[in-house]
Amino acid sequence: MLRKNKSTLSFILIVGMLFGQNNFSDISVASAREMDQQMIKEEEILELRTENTKTFRTSQSGVYVQKVFSDQVHYQGEGGQFIILQPS
């Protein structure tokens, strides 16, 4: 019985430590969008395009942001490059 109580107490302490350290109330969608906008430069890396992704170089060296779309946003041209799909 003592062994069971020790494991239960250990579990409660670990869960308490994990959730007690994090303050998720400071995270918001708006601030995430603002951070995303600040990181993205105006330059898309065209060589990294796919049918449904765009990749951008950020102001942080070696850090990239990739936008993934559920729908196709590019089509592959004759030369193999991906071109922006114009809405019909």
C-alpha atoms as a PDB file:
ATOM      1  CA  MET A   1       0.000   0.000   0.000  1.00  0.00           C
ATOM      2  CA  LEU A   2       2.874   2.383   0.795  1.00  0.00           C
ATOM      3  CA  ARG A   3       4.382   1.702  -2.648  1.00  0.00           C
ATOM      4  CA  LYS A   4       1.079   2.615  -4.370  1.00  0.00           C
ATOM      5  CA  ASN A   5       0.820   5.849  -2.395  1.00  0.00           C
ATOM      6  CA  LYS A   6       4.406   6.806  -3.293  1.00  0.00           C
ATOM      7  CA  SER A   7       3.767   6.307  -7.015  1.00  0.00           C
ATOM      8  CA  THR A   8       0.537   8.279  -6.868  1.00  0.00           C
ATOM      9  CA  LEU A   9       2.234  11.095  -4.984  1.00  0.00           C
ATOM     10  CA  SER A  10       5.157  11.080  -7.448  1.00  0.00           C
ATOM     11  CA  PHE A  11       2.746  11.295 -10.381  1.00  0.00           C
ATOM     12  CA  ILE A  12       0.863  14.207  -8.818  1.00  0.00           C
ATOM     13  CA  LEU A  13       4.102  16.069  -8.082  1.00  0.00           C
ATOM     14  CA  ILE A  14       5.416  15.592 -11.632  1.00  0.00           C
ATOM     15  CA  VAL A  15       2.147  16.748 -13.208  1.00  0.00           C
ATOM     16  CA  GLY A  16       2.052  19.728 -10.856  1.00  0.00           C
ATOM     17  CA  MET A  17       5.599  20.710 -11.759  1.00  0.00           C
ATOM     18  CA  LEU A  18       4.915  20.418 -15.477  1.00  0.00           C
ATOM     19  CA  PHE A  19       1.754  22.513 -15.470  1.00  0.00           C
ATOM     20  CA  GLY A  20       2.788  24.862 -12.684  1.00  0.00           C
ATOM     21  CA  GLN A  21       5.779  26.197 -14.652  1.00  0.00           C
ATOM     22  CA  ASN A  22       3.848  27.182 -17.781  1.00  0.00           C
ATOM     23  CA  ASN A  23       1.728  30.283 -18.107  1.00  0.00           C
ATOM     24  CA  PHE A  24      -0.319  29.769 -21.264  1.00  0.00           C
ATOM     25  CA  SER A  25      -2.573  32.768 -20.642  1.00  0.00           C
ATOM     26  CA  ASP A  26       0.034  35.084 -22.216  1.00  0.00           C
ATOM     27  CA  ILE A  27      -0.170  33.329 -25.588  1.00  0.00           C
ATOM     28  CA  SER A  28      -2.696  34.683 -28.059  1.00  0.00           C
ATOM     29  CA  VAL A  29      -3.362  34.236 -31.745  1.00  0.00           C
ATOM     30  CA  ALA A  30      -2.859  37.954 -32.368  1.00  0.00           C
ATOM     31  CA  SER A  31       0.595  38.000 -30.807  1.00  0.00           C
ATOM     32  CA  ALA A  32       1.558  34.860 -32.727  1.00  0.00           C
ATOM     33  CA  ARG A  33       0.499  36.570 -35.962  1.00  0.00           C
ATOM     34  CA  GLU A  34       2.457  39.695 -35.052  1.00  0.00           C
ATOM     35  CA  MET A  35       5.575  37.639 -34.338  1.00  0.00           C
ATOM     36  CA  ASP A  36       5.098  35.806 -37.629  1.00  0.00           C
ATOM     37  CA  GLN A  37       4.826  39.097 -39.530  1.00  0.00           C
ATOM     38  CA  GLN A  38       7.949  40.480 -37.862  1.00  0.00           C
ATOM     39  CA  MET A  39      10.018  37.401 -38.736  1.00  0.00           C
ATOM     40  CA  ILE A  40       9.064  37.227 -42.405  1.00  0.00           C
ATOM     41  CA  LYS A  41      10.976  39.337 -44.865  1.00  0.00           C
ATOM     42  CA  GLU A  42       9.293  40.239 -48.118  1.00  0.00           C
ATOM     43  CA  GLU A  43      11.453  37.702 -49.942  1.00  0.00           C
ATOM     44  CA  GLU A  44      10.046  34.261 -50.736  1.00  0.00           C
ATOM     45  CA  ILE A  45      12.576  31.561 -51.636  1.00  0.00           C
ATOM     46  CA  LEU A  46      11.166  30.526 -55.005  1.00  0.00           C
ATOM     47  CA  GLU A  47      13.304  27.371 -55.280  1.00  0.00           C
ATOM     48  CA  LEU A  48      11.559  25.926 -52.207  1.00  0.00           C
ATOM     49  CA  ARG A  49       8.010  26.329 -53.526  1.00  0.00           C
ATOM     50  CA  THR A  50       5.757  23.307 -53.901  1.00  0.00           C
ATOM     51  CA  GLU A  51       2.151  23.019 -55.068  1.00  0.00           C
ATOM     52  CA  ASN A  52       0.847  23.969 -51.636  1.00  0.00           C
ATOM     53  CA  THR A  53       3.739  25.678 -49.772  1.00  0.00           C
ATOM     54  CA  LYS A  54       5.635  28.970 -49.723  1.00  0.00           C
ATOM     55  CA  THR A  55       8.940  29.323 -47.821  1.00  0.00           C
ATOM     56  CA  PHE A  56      10.285  32.654 -46.578  1.00  0.00           C
ATOM     57  CA  ARG A  57      13.678  33.749 -45.286  1.00  0.00           C
ATOM     58  CA  THR A  58      13.423  35.419 -41.858  1.00  0.00           C
ATOM     59  CA  SER A  59      15.441  38.171 -40.252  1.00  0.00           C
ATOM     60  CA  GLN A  60      17.012  35.528 -37.995  1.00  0.00           C
ATOM     61  CA  SER A  61      19.986  33.900 -39.682  1.00  0.00           C
ATOM     62  CA  GLY A  62      19.266  30.303 -40.687  1.00  0.00           C
ATOM     63  CA  VAL A  63      15.576  30.456 -39.703  1.00  0.00           C
ATOM     64  CA  TYR A  64      12.857  29.994 -42.315  1.00  0.00           C
ATOM     65  CA  VAL A  65       9.062  30.100 -42.189  1.00  0.00           C
ATOM     66  CA  GLN A  66       7.035  27.757 -44.371  1.00  0.00           C
ATOM     67  CA  LYS A  67       3.367  28.456 -45.048  1.00  0.00           C
ATOM     68  CA  VAL A  68       1.395  25.310 -45.863  1.00  0.00           C
ATOM     69  CA  PHE A  69      -1.939  25.661 -47.654  1.00  0.00           C
ATOM     70  CA  SER A  70      -4.674  23.026 -47.759  1.00  0.00           C
ATOM     71  CA  ASP A  71      -5.391  23.933 -51.395  1.00  0.00           C
ATOM     72  CA  GLN A  72      -3.014  24.161 -54.332  1.00  0.00           C
ATOM     73  CA  VAL A  73      -1.520  27.670 -54.662  1.00  0.00           C
ATOM     74  CA  HIS A  74       1.143  26.973 -57.342  1.00  0.00           C
ATOM     75  CA  TYR A  75       1.334  24.950 -60.536  1.00  0.00           C
ATOM     76  CA  GLN A  76       4.494  23.544 -62.068  1.00  0.00           C
ATOM     77  CA  GLY A  77       5.550  25.329 -65.245  1.00  0.00           C
ATOM     78  CA  GLU A  78       7.376  23.881 -68.251  1.00  0.00           C
ATOM     79  CA  GLY A  79      10.802  24.614 -66.759  1.00  0.00           C
ATOM     80  CA  GLY A  80       9.923  22.830 -63.510  1.00  0.00           C
ATOM     81  CA  GLN A  81       9.480  26.018 -61.498  1.00  0.00           C
ATOM     82  CA  PHE A  82       6.301  26.546 -59.470  1.00  0.00           C
ATOM     83  CA  ILE A  83       4.177  29.508 -60.574  1.00  0.00           C
ATOM     84  CA  ILE A  84       1.413  31.213 -58.571  1.00  0.00           C
ATOM     85  CA  LEU A  85      -1.953  29.743 -59.455  1.00  0.00           C
ATOM     86  CA  GLN A  86      -4.285  32.550 -60.483  1.00  0.00           C
ATOM     87  CA  PRO A  87      -7.858  32.249 -59.157  1.00  0.00           C
ATOM     88  CA  SER A  88     -10.415  31.572 -61.862  1.00  0.00           C
END
